[in-house]
Structure formats: C-alpha cells, structure tokens
Amino acid sequence: MLVLSRQKDESIVINDNIEITIVDVRGDKVRLGITAPKEIPVHRREVYDAIQREKRGEKAVEKAEKPPKAVGGEKPAETGQQSHKE
C-alpha cells in the first residue's frame, strides 16, 4: 500500500484519468473529491462489498437453477417416473 500525506486542496492522480482531492479535514474525518471517467465505478468500501455479496448470491442462484451438463456424449439423467405403454 502506498501511503501519501496531503493537505486540504491537494490531489493525487492515478493512471492519468483519476484524480483524488482532499476537500476538507475535520478532526478524524477527511472528505475526498474523486474525478474519474463515468465507466470507472467508484464506491465506498462498504457499498462495494455489498455489491460483491449480491453478485455472489446471484451466481449461486444461477448455478442452482442450471441442469447438470452431459459428460462425454451422455444424456443427463431424467427425473420422475417413466410411463409404460402397452
């Protein structure tokens, strides 16, 4: 982790297109201003973590809903009872 010291109204630049500026410092709180292209999502850590948990939950549901894949040309096993014609 890179640790930098900055004062109010000073900035850092990341990858030529993201700028983080110290907007205000009050006690133990720092307000940051972030300028980034619209295609780059910027979230507080707790919001980002919630989004990731939601994505993992959706993937688990998708996996549970998909039928098993056939292996080596075999057909997946069918469930239920088979009817016999006379």
Protein backbone atom coordinates (compact mmCIF):
# COMPACT_ATOMS: atom_id res chain seq x y z
CA MET A 1 0.00 0.00 0.00
CA LEU A 2 1.26 3.44 -0.91
CA VAL A 3 0.78 5.98 1.88
CA LEU A 4 0.85 9.69 0.99
CA SER A 5 0.45 12.85 3.04
CA ARG A 6 -1.80 15.51 1.54
CA GLN A 7 -3.33 18.71 2.84
CA LYS A 8 -6.64 20.38 2.02
CA ASP A 9 -6.97 21.20 -1.71
CA GLU A 10 -4.06 18.91 -2.65
CA SER A 11 -4.56 15.96 -5.01
CA ILE A 12 -3.16 12.69 -6.21
CA VAL A 13 -3.54 11.36 -9.76
CA ILE A 14 -3.99 7.70 -10.69
CA ASN A 15 -3.40 6.45 -14.24
CA ASP A 16 -3.76 9.89 -15.91
CA ASN A 17 -7.57 9.84 -15.61
CA ILE A 18 -8.46 9.59 -11.90
CA GLU A 19 -7.88 12.50 -9.53
CA ILE A 20 -8.47 12.38 -5.78
CA THR A 21 -8.55 15.73 -3.99
CA ILE A 22 -8.64 16.42 -0.25
CA VAL A 23 -11.73 18.63 0.07
CA ASP A 24 -11.90 19.05 3.84
CA VAL A 25 -10.33 17.77 7.06
CA ARG A 26 -12.33 17.98 10.31
CA GLY A 27 -10.96 16.16 13.30
CA ASP A 28 -10.62 12.49 12.35
CA LYS A 29 -12.72 12.82 9.16
CA VAL A 30 -11.40 13.56 5.70
CA ARG A 31 -13.65 14.50 2.78
CA LEU A 32 -12.40 13.39 -0.62
CA GLY A 33 -13.41 14.57 -4.06
CA ILE A 34 -12.94 11.99 -6.83
CA THR A 35 -12.89 12.78 -10.53
CA ALA A 36 -12.97 9.68 -12.76
CA PRO A 37 -14.42 8.66 -16.13
CA LYS A 38 -18.06 7.52 -15.98
CA GLU A 39 -17.11 3.96 -17.00
CA ILE A 40 -15.00 3.55 -13.84
CA PRO A 41 -17.22 2.76 -10.85
CA VAL A 42 -16.31 4.49 -7.59
CA HIS A 43 -17.88 3.22 -4.35
CA ARG A 44 -17.30 3.44 -0.62
CA ARG A 45 -15.82 0.11 0.57
CA GLU A 46 -18.99 -0.98 2.42
CA VAL A 47 -21.10 -0.35 -0.70
CA TYR A 48 -18.60 -2.21 -2.91
CA ASP A 49 -18.61 -5.19 -0.51
CA ALA A 50 -22.43 -5.29 -0.54
CA ILE A 51 -22.44 -5.27 -4.36
CA GLN A 52 -19.93 -8.14 -4.43
CA ARG A 53 -22.00 -10.18 -1.92
CA GLU A 54 -25.11 -9.61 -4.05
CA LYS A 55 -23.26 -10.72 -7.20
CA ARG A 56 -22.02 -13.90 -5.46
CA GLY A 57 -25.56 -14.60 -4.27
CA GLU A 58 -26.93 -14.22 -7.81
CA LYS A 59 -24.24 -16.56 -9.18
CA ALA A 60 -25.12 -19.18 -6.55
CA VAL A 61 -28.79 -18.97 -7.56
CA GLU A 62 -27.89 -19.25 -11.27
CA LYS A 63 -25.76 -22.34 -10.62
CA ALA A 64 -28.54 -23.96 -8.60
CA GLU A 65 -31.07 -23.37 -11.39
CA LYS A 66 -28.94 -24.81 -14.22
CA PRO A 67 -29.40 -28.53 -15.05
CA PRO A 68 -26.29 -30.74 -14.89
CA LYS A 69 -24.18 -30.81 -18.04
CA ALA A 70 -23.85 -34.01 -20.07
CA VAL A 71 -20.41 -35.60 -19.99
CA GLY A 72 -18.85 -37.46 -22.91
CA GLY A 73 -21.99 -37.58 -25.06
CA GLU A 74 -24.17 -38.95 -22.27
CA LYS A 75 -27.62 -37.54 -21.76
CA PRO A 76 -28.34 -36.04 -18.34
CA ALA A 77 -30.36 -38.33 -16.09
CA GLU A 78 -34.08 -37.66 -16.21
CA THR A 79 -36.08 -37.30 -13.06
CA GLY A 80 -39.60 -38.50 -12.36
CA GLN A 81 -41.40 -41.70 -13.26
CA GLN A 82 -41.49 -43.10 -16.74
CA SER A 83 -44.82 -44.17 -18.22
CA HIS A 84 -45.08 -47.54 -19.96
CA LYS A 85 -47.32 -48.00 -22.99
CA GLU A 86 -48.98 -51.37 -23.53
